[in-house]
Amino acid sequence: MIIEGNPVQLAAMEEFHKGNRKEGLRLQEEFASRFREEYKEKDHCPCRKACRYHGNCKECVAIHRAHQEHVPNCMRPMLNRKIKALSELTEHTLAWEIEGPKEVLRKEFTEGKEDGHD
């Protein structure tokens, strides 16, 4: 089961946008039900950062809501896609003003890398 771009959840959003709340909710619950079943025992968290809250979305999101400095790592690709589209308005010149992060990644993403960074 894929989470990002899941076809059932995309169909649910399409129904919501059409004003068909009942069908949107039905499809959303279908997605959530499949998710609950598939990820009962599996790691669902795409976050690469070394963090004690890995896979614990409820606490992770609560922490980010509380400090309000940045968003959870799992949400960054989605937001970056949207920001990239906005960045096209200035021919992506924003990139000249940005320095990449210096984050500590989980062990499986650092094996073979000397400094522990991507």
C-alpha atoms as a PDB file:
ATOM      1  CA  MET A   1       0.000   0.000   0.000  1.00  0.00           C
ATOM      2  CA  ILE A   2       1.291   3.411  -0.900  1.00  0.00           C
ATOM      3  CA  ILE A   3       0.410   6.344   1.329  1.00  0.00           C
ATOM      4  CA  GLU A   4       1.631   9.378  -0.612  1.00  0.00           C
ATOM      5  CA  GLY A   5      -0.623   9.876  -3.625  1.00  0.00           C
ATOM      6  CA  ASN A   6      -2.855   6.947  -2.655  1.00  0.00           C
ATOM      7  CA  PRO A   7      -5.518   6.499  -5.374  1.00  0.00           C
ATOM      8  CA  VAL A   8      -8.358   5.811  -2.924  1.00  0.00           C
ATOM      9  CA  GLN A   9      -7.593   8.943  -0.910  1.00  0.00           C
ATOM     10  CA  LEU A  10      -7.171  10.965  -4.114  1.00  0.00           C
ATOM     11  CA  ALA A  11     -10.622   9.745  -5.197  1.00  0.00           C
ATOM     12  CA  ALA A  12     -11.985  10.755  -1.779  1.00  0.00           C
ATOM     13  CA  MET A  13     -10.634  14.276  -2.213  1.00  0.00           C
ATOM     14  CA  GLU A  14     -12.120  14.462  -5.695  1.00  0.00           C
ATOM     15  CA  GLU A  15     -15.536  13.602  -4.223  1.00  0.00           C
ATOM     16  CA  PHE A  16     -15.121  16.214  -1.479  1.00  0.00           C
ATOM     17  CA  HIS A  17     -14.264  18.843  -4.115  1.00  0.00           C
ATOM     18  CA  LYS A  18     -17.392  17.891  -6.061  1.00  0.00           C
ATOM     19  CA  GLY A  19     -19.434  18.429  -2.903  1.00  0.00           C
ATOM     20  CA  ASN A  20     -20.131  14.718  -2.439  1.00  0.00           C
ATOM     21  CA  ARG A  21     -19.212  14.552   1.247  1.00  0.00           C
ATOM     22  CA  LYS A  22     -20.862  11.170   1.865  1.00  0.00           C
ATOM     23  CA  GLU A  23     -18.828   9.409  -0.837  1.00  0.00           C
ATOM     24  CA  GLY A  24     -15.683  11.293   0.156  1.00  0.00           C
ATOM     25  CA  LEU A  25     -16.036  10.115   3.744  1.00  0.00           C
ATOM     26  CA  ARG A  26     -16.715   6.547   2.606  1.00  0.00           C
ATOM     27  CA  LEU A  27     -13.570   6.488   0.474  1.00  0.00           C
ATOM     28  CA  GLN A  28     -11.543   8.169   3.206  1.00  0.00           C
ATOM     29  CA  GLU A  29     -12.594   5.489   5.679  1.00  0.00           C
ATOM     30  CA  GLU A  30     -11.717   2.812   3.094  1.00  0.00           C
ATOM     31  CA  PHE A  31      -8.199   4.284   2.907  1.00  0.00           C
ATOM     32  CA  ALA A  32      -7.922   4.548   6.708  1.00  0.00           C
ATOM     33  CA  SER A  33      -9.177   0.981   7.167  1.00  0.00           C
ATOM     34  CA  ARG A  34      -6.651  -0.385   4.662  1.00  0.00           C
ATOM     35  CA  PHE A  35      -3.923   1.673   6.335  1.00  0.00           C
ATOM     36  CA  ARG A  36      -4.787   0.378   9.802  1.00  0.00           C
ATOM     37  CA  GLU A  37      -4.718  -3.226   8.570  1.00  0.00           C
ATOM     38  CA  GLU A  38      -1.544  -2.991   6.491  1.00  0.00           C
ATOM     39  CA  TYR A  39       0.491  -1.018   8.994  1.00  0.00           C
ATOM     40  CA  LYS A  40      -0.517  -2.801  12.205  1.00  0.00           C
ATOM     41  CA  GLU A  41       2.944  -4.304  12.453  1.00  0.00           C
ATOM     42  CA  LYS A  42       4.926  -2.404   9.786  1.00  0.00           C
ATOM     43  CA  ASP A  43       6.833   0.855   9.841  1.00  0.00           C
ATOM     44  CA  HIS A  44       4.815   3.430   7.903  1.00  0.00           C
ATOM     45  CA  CYS A  45       6.940   6.480   8.673  1.00  0.00           C
ATOM     46  CA  PRO A  46       8.965   7.819   5.705  1.00  0.00           C
ATOM     47  CA  CYS A  47      11.029  10.108   7.925  1.00  0.00           C
ATOM     48  CA  ARG A  48      14.757   9.638   7.464  1.00  0.00           C
ATOM     49  CA  LYS A  49      15.715  11.650  10.548  1.00  0.00           C
ATOM     50  CA  ALA A  50      16.967   9.901  13.675  1.00  0.00           C
ATOM     51  CA  CYS A  51      14.175  10.659  16.134  1.00  0.00           C
ATOM     52  CA  ARG A  52      12.682   8.927  19.148  1.00  0.00           C
ATOM     53  CA  TYR A  53       9.176   9.715  17.829  1.00  0.00           C
ATOM     54  CA  HIS A  54       9.709   7.836  14.540  1.00  0.00           C
ATOM     55  CA  GLY A  55       6.412   6.205  13.576  1.00  0.00           C
ATOM     56  CA  ASN A  56       4.504   7.844  16.426  1.00  0.00           C
ATOM     57  CA  CYS A  57       2.565  10.406  14.369  1.00  0.00           C
ATOM     58  CA  LYS A  58       0.286  11.530  17.167  1.00  0.00           C
ATOM     59  CA  GLU A  59       3.126  12.642  19.453  1.00  0.00           C
ATOM     60  CA  CYS A  60       5.295  13.894  16.568  1.00  0.00           C
ATOM     61  CA  VAL A  61       2.552  16.152  15.189  1.00  0.00           C
ATOM     62  CA  ALA A  62       1.644  17.368  18.703  1.00  0.00           C
ATOM     63  CA  ILE A  63       5.275  18.355  19.300  1.00  0.00           C
ATOM     64  CA  HIS A  64       5.449  20.272  16.008  1.00  0.00           C
ATOM     65  CA  ARG A  65       2.102  21.950  16.667  1.00  0.00           C
ATOM     66  CA  ALA A  66       3.377  22.970  20.101  1.00  0.00           C
ATOM     67  CA  HIS A  67       6.708  24.511  19.056  1.00  0.00           C
ATOM     68  CA  GLN A  68       5.475  25.782  15.651  1.00  0.00           C
ATOM     69  CA  GLU A  69       8.981  26.215  14.220  1.00  0.00           C
ATOM     70  CA  HIS A  70       8.776  23.728  11.355  1.00  0.00           C
ATOM     71  CA  VAL A  71       6.700  20.826  10.077  1.00  0.00           C
ATOM     72  CA  PRO A  72       7.248  17.092  10.649  1.00  0.00           C
ATOM     73  CA  ASN A  73       9.815  15.573   8.293  1.00  0.00           C
ATOM     74  CA  CYS A  74       7.218  13.304   6.684  1.00  0.00           C
ATOM     75  CA  MET A  75       5.307  16.352   5.450  1.00  0.00           C
ATOM     76  CA  ARG A  76       8.308  18.090   3.908  1.00  0.00           C
ATOM     77  CA  PRO A  77       8.212  16.418   0.454  1.00  0.00           C
ATOM     78  CA  MET A  78       4.552  17.387   0.003  1.00  0.00           C
ATOM     79  CA  LEU A  79       5.174  20.972   1.105  1.00  0.00           C
ATOM     80  CA  ASN A  80       8.379  21.204  -0.928  1.00  0.00           C
ATOM     81  CA  ARG A  81       6.476  20.221  -4.098  1.00  0.00           C
ATOM     82  CA  LYS A  82       4.007  23.023  -3.457  1.00  0.00           C
ATOM     83  CA  ILE A  83       6.741  25.533  -2.570  1.00  0.00           C
ATOM     84  CA  LYS A  84       8.694  24.526  -5.677  1.00  0.00           C
ATOM     85  CA  ALA A  85       5.669  25.388  -7.815  1.00  0.00           C
ATOM     86  CA  LEU A  86       5.530  28.814  -6.158  1.00  0.00           C
ATOM     87  CA  SER A  87       9.288  29.205  -6.595  1.00  0.00           C
ATOM     88  CA  GLU A  88       8.796  28.975 -10.363  1.00  0.00           C
ATOM     89  CA  LEU A  89       7.355  32.506 -10.167  1.00  0.00           C
ATOM     90  CA  THR A  90      10.887  33.792  -9.477  1.00  0.00           C
ATOM     91  CA  GLU A  91      12.744  31.311 -11.721  1.00  0.00           C
ATOM     92  CA  HIS A  92      13.752  29.426  -8.551  1.00  0.00           C
ATOM     93  CA  THR A  93      16.159  32.210  -7.526  1.00  0.00           C
ATOM     94  CA  LEU A  94      15.172  31.444  -3.942  1.00  0.00           C
ATOM     95  CA  ALA A  95      17.539  28.461  -4.197  1.00  0.00           C
ATOM     96  CA  TRP A  96      20.504  30.865  -4.112  1.00  0.00           C
ATOM     97  CA  GLU A  97      19.402  31.975  -0.653  1.00  0.00           C
ATOM     98  CA  ILE A  98      18.972  28.529   0.897  1.00  0.00           C
ATOM     99  CA  GLU A  99      21.521  26.394   2.742  1.00  0.00           C
ATOM    100  CA  GLY A 100      20.788  22.686   3.074  1.00  0.00           C
ATOM    101  CA  PRO A 101      20.039  21.118   6.472  1.00  0.00           C
ATOM    102  CA  LYS A 102      22.577  19.441   8.720  1.00  0.00           C
ATOM    103  CA  GLU A 103      20.361  16.684  10.124  1.00  0.00           C
ATOM    104  CA  VAL A 104      21.224  13.433  11.830  1.00  0.00           C
ATOM    105  CA  LEU A 105      19.653  10.634   9.811  1.00  0.00           C
ATOM    106  CA  ARG A 106      18.576   7.164  10.863  1.00  0.00           C
ATOM    107  CA  LYS A 107      21.301   4.515  10.658  1.00  0.00           C
ATOM    108  CA  GLU A 108      19.907   2.795   7.541  1.00  0.00           C
ATOM    109  CA  PHE A 109      20.308   6.054   5.597  1.00  0.00           C
ATOM    110  CA  THR A 110      23.859   6.799   6.763  1.00  0.00           C
ATOM    111  CA  GLU A 111      25.612   3.486   6.195  1.00  0.00           C
ATOM    112  CA  GLY A 112      28.579   4.065   3.936  1.00  0.00           C
ATOM    113  CA  LYS A 113      28.507   7.839   4.442  1.00  0.00           C
ATOM    114  CA  GLU A 114      31.405   9.314   6.389  1.00  0.00           C
ATOM    115  CA  ASP A 115      29.752  12.397   7.894  1.00  0.00           C
ATOM    116  CA  GLY A 116      26.264  10.945   8.454  1.00  0.00           C
ATOM    117  CA  HIS A 117      24.589  13.464   6.154  1.00  0.00           C
ATOM    118  CA  ASP A 118      22.989  13.079   2.743  1.00  0.00           C
END
